[in-house]
């Protein structure tokens, strides 16, 4: 359970959270039970930044990976209007070096944008075990820097659903596999990924 501070013109700020473990053991479900818990500081993984839905499809014969950004929902408001101007940036990562980056169009004044835009990378089959995709949902600002709303990663070395989605794509080649993914706050190591140049890698 998460406790938020409501803000009409900006994003709601999380005050803290309570995690109820062993619920069936701590309460008698045959009658109403009152339980008191101290509100704990929220971890970064608990902050609700919204979700992104995209599909992955790999064609081994062509060495082509297609990520189709479908839509996002319940994004964090970044502007004083209570909305954001979101776009999605996808970076191809190999050995913690960014080889390529591509992005979608910008959707104005919305927290629930729909894109249906395909982003294509050419990746040889023997390189699929060494690459991952770093996905950032960004808020476009006409003046100043574009801000990160949330991030997530897919690939063999990703965690949780990001790894599962990647493995499902590899198990069903030529078939688009779509999932919703929760957005996370970027770690310091992910805020700046060095731009690598490798002319012989065969990536496009």
C-alpha atoms as a PDB file:
ATOM      1  CA  UNK A   1       0.000   0.000   0.000  1.00  0.00           C
ATOM      2  CA  UNK A   2       1.367   3.384  -1.013  1.00  0.00           C
ATOM      3  CA  UNK A   3       0.523   6.749   0.565  1.00  0.00           C
ATOM      4  CA  UNK A   4       0.651   9.773  -1.761  1.00  0.00           C
ATOM      5  CA  UNK A   5       0.428  13.538  -1.440  1.00  0.00           C
ATOM      6  CA  UNK A   6      -2.156  14.695  -3.983  1.00  0.00           C
ATOM      7  CA  UNK A   7      -1.107  17.609  -6.184  1.00  0.00           C
ATOM      8  CA  UNK A   8      -3.644  19.041  -8.600  1.00  0.00           C
ATOM      9  CA  UNK A   9      -1.154  20.701 -10.951  1.00  0.00           C
ATOM     10  CA  UNK A  10       1.792  18.340 -10.875  1.00  0.00           C
ATOM     11  CA  UNK A  11       2.669  14.740 -10.149  1.00  0.00           C
ATOM     12  CA  UNK A  12       1.525  13.135  -6.927  1.00  0.00           C
ATOM     13  CA  UNK A  13       4.451  12.646  -4.540  1.00  0.00           C
ATOM     14  CA  UNK A  14       4.802   9.366  -2.699  1.00  0.00           C
ATOM     15  CA  UNK A  15       5.040   9.824   1.079  1.00  0.00           C
ATOM     16  CA  UNK A  16       5.828   6.198   1.831  1.00  0.00           C
ATOM     17  CA  UNK A  17       4.593   2.646   1.720  1.00  0.00           C
ATOM     18  CA  UNK A  18       3.562  -0.310   3.829  1.00  0.00           C
ATOM     19  CA  UNK A  19       4.226  -3.889   2.765  1.00  0.00           C
ATOM     20  CA  UNK A  20       2.020  -6.480   4.455  1.00  0.00           C
ATOM     21  CA  UNK A  21       3.784  -9.828   4.379  1.00  0.00           C
ATOM     22  CA  UNK A  22       2.335 -13.125   5.585  1.00  0.00           C
ATOM     23  CA  UNK A  23      -1.135 -11.596   5.513  1.00  0.00           C
ATOM     24  CA  UNK A  24      -2.955 -14.879   6.135  1.00  0.00           C
ATOM     25  CA  UNK A  25      -0.790 -15.639   9.148  1.00  0.00           C
ATOM     26  CA  UNK A  26      -1.134 -12.243  10.829  1.00  0.00           C
ATOM     27  CA  UNK A  27      -4.911 -11.911  10.583  1.00  0.00           C
ATOM     28  CA  UNK A  28      -8.024 -13.946  11.153  1.00  0.00           C
ATOM     29  CA  UNK A  29      -9.884 -13.598   7.861  1.00  0.00           C
ATOM     30  CA  UNK A  30     -13.129 -14.790   9.431  1.00  0.00           C
ATOM     31  CA  UNK A  31     -13.548 -11.397  11.093  1.00  0.00           C
ATOM     32  CA  UNK A  32     -12.426  -7.804  10.574  1.00  0.00           C
ATOM     33  CA  UNK A  33      -8.913  -7.180  11.881  1.00  0.00           C
ATOM     34  CA  UNK A  34      -7.207  -3.848  12.474  1.00  0.00           C
ATOM     35  CA  UNK A  35      -3.489  -3.799  11.729  1.00  0.00           C
ATOM     36  CA  UNK A  36      -1.157  -0.855  12.406  1.00  0.00           C
ATOM     37  CA  UNK A  37       2.166  -0.507  10.603  1.00  0.00           C
ATOM     38  CA  UNK A  38       4.722   2.287  10.402  1.00  0.00           C
ATOM     39  CA  UNK A  39       4.907   3.958   6.988  1.00  0.00           C
ATOM     40  CA  UNK A  40       8.300   3.213   5.473  1.00  0.00           C
ATOM     41  CA  UNK A  41      10.334   5.309   3.070  1.00  0.00           C
ATOM     42  CA  UNK A  42       9.498   4.241  -0.481  1.00  0.00           C
ATOM     43  CA  UNK A  43      12.177   2.526  -2.526  1.00  0.00           C
ATOM     44  CA  UNK A  44      12.782   3.724  -6.086  1.00  0.00           C
ATOM     45  CA  UNK A  45      11.221   0.535  -7.453  1.00  0.00           C
ATOM     46  CA  UNK A  46       7.972   1.393  -5.641  1.00  0.00           C
ATOM     47  CA  UNK A  47       7.497   4.848  -7.183  1.00  0.00           C
ATOM     48  CA  UNK A  48       4.680   4.773  -9.724  1.00  0.00           C
ATOM     49  CA  UNK A  49       6.072   6.312 -12.904  1.00  0.00           C
ATOM     50  CA  UNK A  50       3.626   4.679 -15.294  1.00  0.00           C
ATOM     51  CA  UNK A  51       3.858   1.787 -17.734  1.00  0.00           C
ATOM     52  CA  UNK A  52       4.906   1.199 -21.325  1.00  0.00           C
ATOM     53  CA  UNK A  53       3.603  -1.429 -23.740  1.00  0.00           C
ATOM     54  CA  UNK A  54       5.745  -2.582 -26.631  1.00  0.00           C
ATOM     55  CA  UNK A  55       6.191  -5.673 -28.756  1.00  0.00           C
ATOM     56  CA  UNK A  56       9.413  -7.449 -29.700  1.00  0.00           C
ATOM     57  CA  UNK A  57       9.917  -9.485 -32.869  1.00  0.00           C
ATOM     58  CA  UNK A  58      13.156 -11.048 -34.143  1.00  0.00           C
ATOM     59  CA  UNK A  59      13.770 -12.405 -37.633  1.00  0.00           C
ATOM     60  CA  UNK A  60      16.848 -14.671 -37.366  1.00  0.00           C
ATOM     61  CA  UNK A  61      17.286 -15.095 -41.124  1.00  0.00           C
ATOM     62  CA  UNK A  62      17.400 -11.332 -41.661  1.00  0.00           C
ATOM     63  CA  UNK A  63      19.093 -10.537 -38.337  1.00  0.00           C
ATOM     64  CA  UNK A  64      16.417  -7.914 -37.716  1.00  0.00           C
ATOM     65  CA  UNK A  65      14.961  -6.927 -34.354  1.00  0.00           C
ATOM     66  CA  UNK A  66      11.772  -4.872 -34.372  1.00  0.00           C
ATOM     67  CA  UNK A  67      10.573  -3.116 -31.232  1.00  0.00           C
ATOM     68  CA  UNK A  68       7.138  -1.579 -31.744  1.00  0.00           C
ATOM     69  CA  UNK A  69       6.294   1.071 -29.170  1.00  0.00           C
ATOM     70  CA  UNK A  70       2.532   0.703 -28.772  1.00  0.00           C
ATOM     71  CA  UNK A  71       1.504   3.040 -25.948  1.00  0.00           C
ATOM     72  CA  UNK A  72       2.094   4.239 -22.397  1.00  0.00           C
ATOM     73  CA  UNK A  73      -0.330   4.779 -19.540  1.00  0.00           C
ATOM     74  CA  UNK A  74      -0.437   6.708 -16.271  1.00  0.00           C
ATOM     75  CA  UNK A  75       2.868   8.464 -16.873  1.00  0.00           C
ATOM     76  CA  UNK A  76       4.245  10.818 -14.246  1.00  0.00           C
ATOM     77  CA  UNK A  77       3.274  14.436 -14.926  1.00  0.00           C
ATOM     78  CA  UNK A  78       6.402  16.508 -15.535  1.00  0.00           C
ATOM     79  CA  UNK A  79       4.886  19.887 -16.479  1.00  0.00           C
ATOM     80  CA  UNK A  80       3.031  22.451 -14.400  1.00  0.00           C
ATOM     81  CA  UNK A  81      -0.036  21.764 -16.549  1.00  0.00           C
ATOM     82  CA  UNK A  82      -0.296  18.316 -14.974  1.00  0.00           C
ATOM     83  CA  UNK A  83       0.703  16.631 -18.240  1.00  0.00           C
ATOM     84  CA  UNK A  84       3.877  15.671 -20.103  1.00  0.00           C
ATOM     85  CA  UNK A  85       5.112  15.751 -23.695  1.00  0.00           C
ATOM     86  CA  UNK A  86       6.384  12.162 -23.843  1.00  0.00           C
ATOM     87  CA  UNK A  87       8.496  10.386 -26.416  1.00  0.00           C
ATOM     88  CA  UNK A  88      10.354   7.065 -26.207  1.00  0.00           C
ATOM     89  CA  UNK A  89      14.085   6.652 -26.759  1.00  0.00           C
ATOM     90  CA  UNK A  90      15.544   3.188 -27.391  1.00  0.00           C
ATOM     91  CA  UNK A  91      19.287   2.515 -27.116  1.00  0.00           C
ATOM     92  CA  UNK A  92      21.064  -0.624 -28.312  1.00  0.00           C
ATOM     93  CA  UNK A  93      23.595  -1.611 -25.636  1.00  0.00           C
ATOM     94  CA  UNK A  94      26.502  -4.029 -25.990  1.00  0.00           C
ATOM     95  CA  UNK A  95      29.048  -4.506 -23.176  1.00  0.00           C
ATOM     96  CA  UNK A  96      27.604  -1.403 -21.457  1.00  0.00           C
ATOM     97  CA  UNK A  97      28.347   0.724 -24.529  1.00  0.00           C
ATOM     98  CA  UNK A  98      25.601   2.428 -26.472  1.00  0.00           C
ATOM     99  CA  UNK A  99      25.936   1.491 -30.125  1.00  0.00           C
ATOM    100  CA  UNK A 100      22.777   3.040 -31.552  1.00  0.00           C
ATOM    101  CA  UNK A 101      19.819   5.078 -30.366  1.00  0.00           C
ATOM    102  CA  UNK A 102      16.475   5.798 -31.980  1.00  0.00           C
ATOM    103  CA  UNK A 103      13.324   7.551 -30.812  1.00  0.00           C
ATOM    104  CA  UNK A 104       9.628   7.932 -31.481  1.00  0.00           C
ATOM    105  CA  UNK A 105       7.650  11.055 -32.239  1.00  0.00           C
ATOM    106  CA  UNK A 106       6.598  13.405 -29.411  1.00  0.00           C
ATOM    107  CA  UNK A 107       3.026  13.347 -28.112  1.00  0.00           C
ATOM    108  CA  UNK A 108       1.893  16.647 -26.615  1.00  0.00           C
ATOM    109  CA  UNK A 109       0.053  17.194 -23.332  1.00  0.00           C
ATOM    110  CA  UNK A 110      -0.783  13.628 -22.373  1.00  0.00           C
ATOM    111  CA  UNK A 111      -0.019  10.993 -19.748  1.00  0.00           C
ATOM    112  CA  UNK A 112      -1.457   8.192 -21.914  1.00  0.00           C
ATOM    113  CA  UNK A 113       0.209   8.499 -25.338  1.00  0.00           C
ATOM    114  CA  UNK A 114      -0.362   6.088 -28.229  1.00  0.00           C
ATOM    115  CA  UNK A 115       2.511   5.606 -30.703  1.00  0.00           C
ATOM    116  CA  UNK A 116       2.313   2.363 -32.731  1.00  0.00           C
ATOM    117  CA  UNK A 117       5.780   3.145 -34.097  1.00  0.00           C
ATOM    118  CA  UNK A 118       8.347   0.511 -35.091  1.00  0.00           C
ATOM    119  CA  UNK A 119      12.029   0.860 -34.190  1.00  0.00           C
ATOM    120  CA  UNK A 120      14.320  -1.524 -36.090  1.00  0.00           C
ATOM    121  CA  UNK A 121      17.864  -2.679 -35.322  1.00  0.00           C
ATOM    122  CA  UNK A 122      19.938  -5.045 -37.458  1.00  0.00           C
ATOM    123  CA  UNK A 123      21.560  -7.532 -35.058  1.00  0.00           C
ATOM    124  CA  UNK A 124      23.308 -10.739 -36.204  1.00  0.00           C
ATOM    125  CA  UNK A 125      21.975 -13.898 -34.495  1.00  0.00           C
ATOM    126  CA  UNK A 126      25.333 -14.623 -32.863  1.00  0.00           C
ATOM    127  CA  UNK A 127      25.220 -11.220 -31.149  1.00  0.00           C
ATOM    128  CA  UNK A 128      21.790 -11.596 -29.544  1.00  0.00           C
ATOM    129  CA  UNK A 129      23.294 -13.010 -26.324  1.00  0.00           C
ATOM    130  CA  UNK A 130      25.444  -9.897 -25.891  1.00  0.00           C
ATOM    131  CA  UNK A 131      23.005  -7.047 -26.459  1.00  0.00           C
ATOM    132  CA  UNK A 132      20.150  -5.402 -24.588  1.00  0.00           C
ATOM    133  CA  UNK A 133      17.764  -2.539 -25.231  1.00  0.00           C
ATOM    134  CA  UNK A 134      17.584   0.382 -22.817  1.00  0.00           C
ATOM    135  CA  UNK A 135      14.180   2.069 -23.108  1.00  0.00           C
ATOM    136  CA  UNK A 136      13.628   5.578 -21.741  1.00  0.00           C
ATOM    137  CA  UNK A 137      10.343   7.462 -21.678  1.00  0.00           C
ATOM    138  CA  UNK A 138      11.287  11.134 -21.903  1.00  0.00           C
ATOM    139  CA  UNK A 139       9.461  14.430 -21.397  1.00  0.00           C
ATOM    140  CA  UNK A 140      10.246  16.885 -24.185  1.00  0.00           C
ATOM    141  CA  UNK A 141      10.972  20.465 -23.154  1.00  0.00           C
ATOM    142  CA  UNK A 142      11.232  23.267 -25.696  1.00  0.00           C
ATOM    143  CA  UNK A 143      13.451  25.204 -23.289  1.00  0.00           C
ATOM    144  CA  UNK A 144      16.013  23.377 -21.170  1.00  0.00           C
ATOM    145  CA  UNK A 145      16.821  19.695 -20.955  1.00  0.00           C
ATOM    146  CA  UNK A 146      14.481  16.842 -21.747  1.00  0.00           C
ATOM    147  CA  UNK A 147      13.711  14.949 -18.528  1.00  0.00           C
ATOM    148  CA  UNK A 148      13.573  11.211 -17.948  1.00  0.00           C
ATOM    149  CA  UNK A 149      10.140  10.012 -16.796  1.00  0.00           C
ATOM    150  CA  UNK A 150      11.176   6.382 -16.356  1.00  0.00           C
ATOM    151  CA  UNK A 151      13.285   3.601 -17.835  1.00  0.00           C
ATOM    152  CA  UNK A 152      13.398  -0.148 -18.302  1.00  0.00           C
ATOM    153  CA  UNK A 153      15.655  -2.675 -19.996  1.00  0.00           C
ATOM    154  CA  UNK A 154      15.107  -5.858 -21.997  1.00  0.00           C
ATOM    155  CA  UNK A 155      17.744  -8.433 -22.884  1.00  0.00           C
ATOM    156  CA  UNK A 156      19.379 -11.662 -21.762  1.00  0.00           C
ATOM    157  CA  UNK A 157      21.093  -9.828 -18.900  1.00  0.00           C
ATOM    158  CA  UNK A 158      18.051  -7.771 -17.884  1.00  0.00           C
ATOM    159  CA  UNK A 159      16.064  -8.534 -14.746  1.00  0.00           C
ATOM    160  CA  UNK A 160      12.569  -9.925 -14.228  1.00  0.00           C
ATOM    161  CA  UNK A 161      10.022  -9.226 -16.941  1.00  0.00           C
ATOM    162  CA  UNK A 162      12.663  -7.570 -19.135  1.00  0.00           C
ATOM    163  CA  UNK A 163      14.550 -10.862 -19.363  1.00  0.00           C
ATOM    164  CA  UNK A 164      11.374 -12.950 -19.669  1.00  0.00           C
ATOM    165  CA  UNK A 165      10.034 -10.823 -22.543  1.00  0.00           C
ATOM    166  CA  UNK A 166      13.365 -11.132 -24.388  1.00  0.00           C
ATOM    167  CA  UNK A 167      13.504 -14.913 -23.948  1.00  0.00           C
ATOM    168  CA  UNK A 168       9.892 -15.268 -25.111  1.00  0.00           C
ATOM    169  CA  UNK A 169      10.755 -13.298 -28.256  1.00  0.00           C
ATOM    170  CA  UNK A 170      13.702 -15.633 -28.966  1.00  0.00           C
ATOM    171  CA  UNK A 171      11.524 -18.714 -28.342  1.00  0.00           C
ATOM    172  CA  UNK A 172       8.930 -17.555 -30.904  1.00  0.00           C
ATOM    173  CA  UNK A 173      10.879 -16.054 -33.843  1.00  0.00           C
ATOM    174  CA  UNK A 174       8.986 -13.983 -36.422  1.00  0.00           C
ATOM    175  CA  UNK A 175       6.093 -13.492 -33.968  1.00  0.00           C
ATOM    176  CA  UNK A 176       5.510 -10.096 -32.285  1.00  0.00           C
ATOM    177  CA  UNK A 177       5.325 -10.539 -28.494  1.00  0.00           C
ATOM    178  CA  UNK A 178       3.734  -7.645 -26.571  1.00  0.00           C
ATOM    179  CA  UNK A 179       3.816  -6.911 -22.829  1.00  0.00           C
ATOM    180  CA  UNK A 180       3.234  -4.061 -20.414  1.00  0.00           C
ATOM    181  CA  UNK A 181       6.317  -3.025 -18.401  1.00  0.00           C
ATOM    182  CA  UNK A 182       6.411  -0.779 -15.319  1.00  0.00           C
ATOM    183  CA  UNK A 183       8.808   2.147 -15.581  1.00  0.00           C
ATOM    184  CA  UNK A 184      11.591   2.494 -13.013  1.00  0.00           C
ATOM    185  CA  UNK A 185      13.711   5.412 -11.875  1.00  0.00           C
ATOM    186  CA  UNK A 186      17.086   5.415 -13.649  1.00  0.00           C
ATOM    187  CA  UNK A 187      20.121   4.289 -11.698  1.00  0.00           C
ATOM    188  CA  UNK A 188      23.154   6.548 -11.798  1.00  0.00           C
ATOM    189  CA  UNK A 189      24.997   4.043 -13.945  1.00  0.00           C
ATOM    190  CA  UNK A 190      22.186   4.172 -16.499  1.00  0.00           C
ATOM    191  CA  UNK A 191      21.835   7.947 -16.716  1.00  0.00           C
ATOM    192  CA  UNK A 192      24.988   8.209 -18.767  1.00  0.00           C
ATOM    193  CA  UNK A 193      25.794   5.291 -21.041  1.00  0.00           C
ATOM    194  CA  UNK A 194      28.884   5.920 -23.113  1.00  0.00           C
ATOM    195  CA  UNK A 195      28.339   6.127 -26.853  1.00  0.00           C
ATOM    196  CA  UNK A 196      30.493   3.428 -28.401  1.00  0.00           C
ATOM    197  CA  UNK A 197      31.629   3.362 -32.015  1.00  0.00           C
ATOM    198  CA  UNK A 198      32.226  -0.006 -33.547  1.00  0.00           C
ATOM    199  CA  UNK A 199      32.377   0.074 -37.298  1.00  0.00           C
ATOM    200  CA  UNK A 200      32.901  -3.668 -37.615  1.00  0.00           C
ATOM    201  CA  UNK A 201      30.091  -4.819 -35.339  1.00  0.00           C
ATOM    202  CA  UNK A 202      27.475  -5.101 -38.071  1.00  0.00           C
ATOM    203  CA  UNK A 203      24.847  -3.315 -35.953  1.00  0.00           C
ATOM    204  CA  UNK A 204      22.537  -0.818 -37.617  1.00  0.00           C
END
